[in-house]
Amino acid sequence: MPDSSPISNCFPDTNLAKAMAQALHGNTNVAQTLTTTDITNTTTLNLNNKNITTFKASNGSPT
């Protein structure tokens, strides 16, 4: 697994990808990178009312 990947490659649900981008980078640009450090340092996410249909991550997620 890579150390970083574009957020859009990590989450097949578009709304989840946008919510992750907003939480991590302050905007909904899903082309931004999700890193192992982002995952390690994130302890809380508010995903209420984001119209997310699946929480599945793809194999392209960093580890």
PDB file of N, CA and C in Angstrom:
ATOM      1  N   MET A   1       0.834  -1.176   0.000  1.00  0.00           N
ATOM      2  CA  MET A   1       0.000   0.000   0.000  1.00  0.00           C
ATOM      3  C   MET A   1       0.887   1.251   0.000  1.00  0.00           C
ATOM      4  N   PRO A   2       0.442   2.277  -0.687  1.00  0.00           N
ATOM      5  CA  PRO A   2       1.231   3.514  -0.739  1.00  0.00           C
ATOM      6  C   PRO A   2       1.160   4.284   0.568  1.00  0.00           C
ATOM      7  N   ASP A   3       2.130   5.207   0.755  1.00  0.00           N
ATOM      8  CA  ASP A   3       2.130   6.071   1.931  1.00  0.00           C
ATOM      9  C   ASP A   3       1.145   7.219   1.760  1.00  0.00           C
ATOM     10  N   SER A   4       0.764   7.516   0.522  1.00  0.00           N
ATOM     11  CA  SER A   4      -0.227   8.549   0.259  1.00  0.00           C
ATOM     12  C   SER A   4      -0.939   8.262  -1.053  1.00  0.00           C
ATOM     13  N   SER A   5      -2.169   8.738  -1.143  1.00  0.00           N
ATOM     14  CA  SER A   5      -2.992   8.567  -2.342  1.00  0.00           C
ATOM     15  C   SER A   5      -3.968   9.724  -2.424  1.00  0.00           C
ATOM     16  N   PRO A   6      -4.440  10.050  -3.636  1.00  0.00           N
ATOM     17  CA  PRO A   6      -5.512  11.042  -3.733  1.00  0.00           C
ATOM     18  C   PRO A   6      -6.736  10.541  -2.965  1.00  0.00           C
ATOM     19  N   ILE A   7      -7.403  11.448  -2.291  1.00  0.00           N
ATOM     20  CA  ILE A   7      -8.574  11.079  -1.498  1.00  0.00           C
ATOM     21  C   ILE A   7      -9.612  10.371  -2.365  1.00  0.00           C
ATOM     22  N   SER A   8      -9.777  10.823  -3.601  1.00  0.00           N
ATOM     23  CA  SER A   8     -10.768  10.205  -4.492  1.00  0.00           C
ATOM     24  C   SER A   8     -10.460   8.741  -4.785  1.00  0.00           C
ATOM     25  N   ASN A   9      -9.196   8.349  -4.727  1.00  0.00           N
ATOM     26  CA  ASN A   9      -8.820   6.950  -4.949  1.00  0.00           C
ATOM     27  C   ASN A   9      -9.062   6.092  -3.716  1.00  0.00           C
ATOM     28  N   CYS A  10      -9.163   6.716  -2.572  1.00  0.00           N
ATOM     29  CA  CYS A  10      -9.278   5.981  -1.309  1.00  0.00           C
ATOM     30  C   CYS A  10     -10.713   5.639  -0.938  1.00  0.00           C
ATOM     31  N   PHE A  11     -11.659   6.473  -1.354  1.00  0.00           N
ATOM     32  CA  PHE A  11     -13.051   6.292  -0.952  1.00  0.00           C
ATOM     33  C   PHE A  11     -13.954   6.311  -2.177  1.00  0.00           C
ATOM     34  N   PRO A  12     -14.553   5.179  -2.539  1.00  0.00           N
ATOM     35  CA  PRO A  12     -15.405   5.134  -3.723  1.00  0.00           C
ATOM     36  C   PRO A  12     -16.683   5.962  -3.592  1.00  0.00           C
ATOM     37  N   ASP A  13     -17.148   6.207  -2.373  1.00  0.00           N
ATOM     38  CA  ASP A  13     -18.329   7.042  -2.167  1.00  0.00           C
ATOM     39  C   ASP A  13     -17.904   8.508  -2.292  1.00  0.00           C
ATOM     40  N   THR A  14     -18.430   9.201  -3.286  1.00  0.00           N
ATOM     41  CA  THR A  14     -18.037  10.588  -3.555  1.00  0.00           C
ATOM     42  C   THR A  14     -18.283  11.496  -2.359  1.00  0.00           C
ATOM     43  N   ASN A  15     -19.409  11.314  -1.678  1.00  0.00           N
ATOM     44  CA  ASN A  15     -19.716  12.167  -0.531  1.00  0.00           C
ATOM     45  C   ASN A  15     -18.775  11.906   0.636  1.00  0.00           C
ATOM     46  N   LEU A  16     -18.379  10.655   0.827  1.00  0.00           N
ATOM     47  CA  LEU A  16     -17.402  10.344   1.871  1.00  0.00           C
ATOM     48  C   LEU A  16     -16.055  10.964   1.520  1.00  0.00           C
ATOM     49  N   ALA A  17     -15.653  10.872   0.265  1.00  0.00           N
ATOM     50  CA  ALA A  17     -14.384  11.469  -0.162  1.00  0.00           C
ATOM     51  C   ALA A  17     -14.394  12.975   0.079  1.00  0.00           C
ATOM     52  N   LYS A  18     -15.492  13.646  -0.270  1.00  0.00           N
ATOM     53  CA  LYS A  18     -15.595  15.093  -0.053  1.00  0.00           C
ATOM     54  C   LYS A  18     -15.571  15.428   1.435  1.00  0.00           C
ATOM     55  N   ALA A  19     -16.249  14.635   2.252  1.00  0.00           N
ATOM     56  CA  ALA A  19     -16.263  14.867   3.698  1.00  0.00           C
ATOM     57  C   ALA A  19     -14.868  14.688   4.294  1.00  0.00           C
ATOM     58  N   MET A  20     -14.139  13.696   3.813  1.00  0.00           N
ATOM     59  CA  MET A  20     -12.770  13.483   4.295  1.00  0.00           C
ATOM     60  C   MET A  20     -11.870  14.648   3.890  1.00  0.00           C
ATOM     61  N   ALA A  21     -11.999  15.107   2.649  1.00  0.00           N
ATOM     62  CA  ALA A  21     -11.203  16.251   2.193  1.00  0.00           C
ATOM     63  C   ALA A  21     -11.505  17.481   3.038  1.00  0.00           C
ATOM     64  N   GLN A  22     -12.790  17.717   3.314  1.00  0.00           N
ATOM     65  CA  GLN A  22     -13.183  18.870   4.129  1.00  0.00           C
ATOM     66  C   GLN A  22     -12.603  18.764   5.534  1.00  0.00           C
ATOM     67  N   ALA A  23     -12.688  17.594   6.126  1.00  0.00           N
ATOM     68  CA  ALA A  23     -12.188  17.397   7.489  1.00  0.00           C
ATOM     69  C   ALA A  23     -10.672  17.543   7.569  1.00  0.00           C
ATOM     70  N   LEU A  24      -9.971  17.045   6.568  1.00  0.00           N
ATOM     71  CA  LEU A  24      -8.504  17.036   6.613  1.00  0.00           C
ATOM     72  C   LEU A  24      -7.864  18.304   6.068  1.00  0.00           C
ATOM     73  N   HIS A  25      -8.488  18.904   5.042  1.00  0.00           N
ATOM     74  CA  HIS A  25      -7.840  20.008   4.342  1.00  0.00           C
ATOM     75  C   HIS A  25      -8.666  21.291   4.291  1.00  0.00           C
ATOM     76  N   GLY A  26      -9.879  21.260   4.825  1.00  0.00           N
ATOM     77  CA  GLY A  26     -10.697  22.466   4.880  1.00  0.00           C
ATOM     78  C   GLY A  26     -11.425  22.810   3.590  1.00  0.00           C
ATOM     79  N   ASN A  27     -11.426  21.891   2.613  1.00  0.00           N
ATOM     80  CA  ASN A  27     -12.184  22.086   1.378  1.00  0.00           C
ATOM     81  C   ASN A  27     -12.536  20.715   0.809  1.00  0.00           C
ATOM     82  N   THR A  28     -13.336  20.695  -0.231  1.00  0.00           N
ATOM     83  CA  THR A  28     -13.819  19.417  -0.756  1.00  0.00           C
ATOM     84  C   THR A  28     -13.055  18.933  -1.991  1.00  0.00           C
ATOM     85  N   ASN A  29     -11.838  19.375  -2.167  1.00  0.00           N
ATOM     86  CA  ASN A  29     -11.012  18.952  -3.303  1.00  0.00           C
ATOM     87  C   ASN A  29     -10.501  17.534  -3.054  1.00  0.00           C
ATOM     88  N   VAL A  30     -11.132  16.555  -3.699  1.00  0.00           N
ATOM     89  CA  VAL A  30     -10.786  15.150  -3.471  1.00  0.00           C
ATOM     90  C   VAL A  30      -9.525  14.713  -4.212  1.00  0.00           C
ATOM     91  N   ALA A  31      -8.910  15.623  -4.971  1.00  0.00           N
ATOM     92  CA  ALA A  31      -7.629  15.321  -5.626  1.00  0.00           C
ATOM     93  C   ALA A  31      -6.464  15.476  -4.649  1.00  0.00           C
ATOM     94  N   GLN A  32      -6.739  16.086  -3.493  1.00  0.00           N
ATOM     95  CA  GLN A  32      -5.699  16.242  -2.474  1.00  0.00           C
ATOM     96  C   GLN A  32      -5.303  14.880  -1.921  1.00  0.00           C
ATOM     97  N   THR A  33      -4.167  14.848  -1.294  1.00  0.00           N
ATOM     98  CA  THR A  33      -3.588  13.597  -0.835  1.00  0.00           C
ATOM     99  C   THR A  33      -4.059  13.213   0.563  1.00  0.00           C
ATOM    100  N   LEU A  34      -4.332  11.926   0.738  1.00  0.00           N
ATOM    101  CA  LEU A  34      -4.566  11.324   2.046  1.00  0.00           C
ATOM    102  C   LEU A  34      -3.301  10.558   2.394  1.00  0.00           C
ATOM    103  N   THR A  35      -2.717  10.871   3.533  1.00  0.00           N
ATOM    104  CA  THR A  35      -1.464  10.228   3.924  1.00  0.00           C
ATOM    105  C   THR A  35      -1.666   9.342   5.142  1.00  0.00           C
ATOM    106  N   THR A  36      -0.687   8.512   5.381  1.00  0.00           N
ATOM    107  CA  THR A  36      -0.685   7.684   6.584  1.00  0.00           C
ATOM    108  C   THR A  36      -0.733   8.571   7.820  1.00  0.00           C
ATOM    109  N   THR A  37      -0.028   9.682   7.791  1.00  0.00           N
ATOM    110  CA  THR A  37      -0.029  10.627   8.918  1.00  0.00           C
ATOM    111  C   THR A  37      -1.424  11.195   9.139  1.00  0.00           C
ATOM    112  N   ASP A  38      -2.140  11.541   8.058  1.00  0.00           N
ATOM    113  CA  ASP A  38      -3.519  12.027   8.195  1.00  0.00           C
ATOM    114  C   ASP A  38      -4.370  11.009   8.946  1.00  0.00           C
ATOM    115  N   ILE A  39      -4.250   9.756   8.551  1.00  0.00           N
ATOM    116  CA  ILE A  39      -5.037   8.692   9.179  1.00  0.00           C
ATOM    117  C   ILE A  39      -4.656   8.525  10.645  1.00  0.00           C
ATOM    118  N   THR A  40      -3.371   8.519  10.918  1.00  0.00           N
ATOM    119  CA  THR A  40      -2.877   8.336  12.281  1.00  0.00           C
ATOM    120  C   THR A  40      -3.300   9.478  13.195  1.00  0.00           C
ATOM    121  N   ASN A  41      -3.282  10.707  12.678  1.00  0.00           N
ATOM    122  CA  ASN A  41      -3.560  11.885  13.499  1.00  0.00           C
ATOM    123  C   ASN A  41      -5.038  12.232  13.609  1.00  0.00           C
ATOM    124  N   THR A  42      -5.884  11.603  12.832  1.00  0.00           N
ATOM    125  CA  THR A  42      -7.313  11.899  12.874  1.00  0.00           C
ATOM    126  C   THR A  42      -7.975  11.009  13.918  1.00  0.00           C
ATOM    127  N   THR A  43      -8.548  11.648  14.925  1.00  0.00           N
ATOM    128  CA  THR A  43      -9.189  10.896  16.002  1.00  0.00           C
ATOM    129  C   THR A  43     -10.705  11.060  16.002  1.00  0.00           C
ATOM    130  N   THR A  44     -11.219  12.108  15.347  1.00  0.00           N
ATOM    131  CA  THR A  44     -12.649  12.364  15.330  1.00  0.00           C
ATOM    132  C   THR A  44     -13.069  12.892  13.963  1.00  0.00           C
ATOM    133  N   LEU A  45     -14.164  12.384  13.453  1.00  0.00           N
ATOM    134  CA  LEU A  45     -14.760  12.883  12.213  1.00  0.00           C
ATOM    135  C   LEU A  45     -16.250  13.071  12.439  1.00  0.00           C
ATOM    136  N   ASN A  46     -16.788  14.209  12.036  1.00  0.00           N
ATOM    137  CA  ASN A  46     -18.229  14.420  12.072  1.00  0.00           C
ATOM    138  C   ASN A  46     -18.743  14.221  10.654  1.00  0.00           C
ATOM    139  N   LEU A  47     -19.395  13.110  10.420  1.00  0.00           N
ATOM    140  CA  LEU A  47     -19.893  12.778   9.093  1.00  0.00           C
ATOM    141  C   LEU A  47     -21.416  12.804   9.034  1.00  0.00           C
ATOM    142  N   ASN A  48     -22.038  13.504   9.977  1.00  0.00           N
ATOM    143  CA  ASN A  48     -23.496  13.626   9.988  1.00  0.00           C
ATOM    144  C   ASN A  48     -23.977  14.429   8.786  1.00  0.00           C
ATOM    145  N   ASN A  49     -25.104  14.024   8.234  1.00  0.00           N
ATOM    146  CA  ASN A  49     -25.778  14.747   7.150  1.00  0.00           C
ATOM    147  C   ASN A  49     -24.900  14.962   5.923  1.00  0.00           C
ATOM    148  N   LYS A  50     -24.079  13.991   5.576  1.00  0.00           N
ATOM    149  CA  LYS A  50     -23.191  14.094   4.412  1.00  0.00           C
ATOM    150  C   LYS A  50     -23.670  13.237   3.240  1.00  0.00           C
ATOM    151  N   ASN A  51     -24.815  12.559   3.397  1.00  0.00           N
ATOM    152  CA  ASN A  51     -25.377  11.699   2.340  1.00  0.00           C
ATOM    153  C   ASN A  51     -24.413  10.608   1.895  1.00  0.00           C
ATOM    154  N   ILE A  52     -23.713  10.021   2.838  1.00  0.00           N
ATOM    155  CA  ILE A  52     -22.766   8.943   2.561  1.00  0.00           C
ATOM    156  C   ILE A  52     -23.539   7.634   2.472  1.00  0.00           C
ATOM    157  N   THR A  53     -23.277   6.864   1.412  1.00  0.00           N
ATOM    158  CA  THR A  53     -23.984   5.594   1.244  1.00  0.00           C
ATOM    159  C   THR A  53     -23.133   4.393   1.628  1.00  0.00           C
ATOM    160  N   THR A  54     -21.810   4.537   1.617  1.00  0.00           N
ATOM    161  CA  THR A  54     -20.938   3.439   2.033  1.00  0.00           C
ATOM    162  C   THR A  54     -19.677   3.993   2.686  1.00  0.00           C
ATOM    163  N   PHE A  55     -19.213   3.304   3.705  1.00  0.00           N
ATOM    164  CA  PHE A  55     -17.980   3.695   4.385  1.00  0.00           C
ATOM    165  C   PHE A  55     -16.801   2.844   3.933  1.00  0.00           C
ATOM    166  N   LYS A  56     -16.977   2.135   2.855  1.00  0.00           N
ATOM    167  CA  LYS A  56     -15.930   1.264   2.331  1.00  0.00           C
ATOM    168  C   LYS A  56     -14.761   2.094   1.792  1.00  0.00           C
ATOM    169  N   ALA A  57     -13.552   1.676   2.147  1.00  0.00           N
ATOM    170  CA  ALA A  57     -12.339   2.287   1.592  1.00  0.00           C
ATOM    171  C   ALA A  57     -11.787   1.353   0.524  1.00  0.00           C
ATOM    172  N   SER A  58     -11.126   1.912  -0.454  1.00  0.00           N
ATOM    173  CA  SER A  58     -10.557   1.083  -1.514  1.00  0.00           C
ATOM    174  C   SER A  58      -9.162   0.618  -1.134  1.00  0.00           C
ATOM    175  N   ASN A  59      -8.613  -0.290  -1.913  1.00  0.00           N
ATOM    176  CA  ASN A  59      -7.255  -0.777  -1.671  1.00  0.00           C
ATOM    177  C   ASN A  59      -6.201   0.280  -1.950  1.00  0.00           C
ATOM    178  N   GLY A  60      -6.592   1.405  -2.515  1.00  0.00           N
ATOM    179  CA  GLY A  60      -5.649   2.483  -2.781  1.00  0.00           C
ATOM    180  C   GLY A  60      -5.387   3.366  -1.585  1.00  0.00           C
ATOM    181  N   SER A  61      -6.005   3.045  -0.438  1.00  0.00           N
ATOM    182  CA  SER A  61      -5.804   3.850   0.762  1.00  0.00           C
ATOM    183  C   SER A  61      -4.416   3.639   1.322  1.00  0.00           C
ATOM    184  N   PRO A  62      -3.802   4.711   1.832  1.00  0.00           N
ATOM    185  CA  PRO A  62      -2.484   4.547   2.450  1.00  0.00           C
ATOM    186  C   PRO A  62      -2.582   3.751   3.739  1.00  0.00           C
ATOM    187  N   THR A  63      -1.498   3.087   4.084  1.00  0.00           N
ATOM    188  CA  THR A  63      -1.481   2.315   5.330  1.00  0.00           C
ATOM    189  C   THR A  63      -0.429   2.849   6.259  1.00  0.00           C
TER     190      THR A  63
END
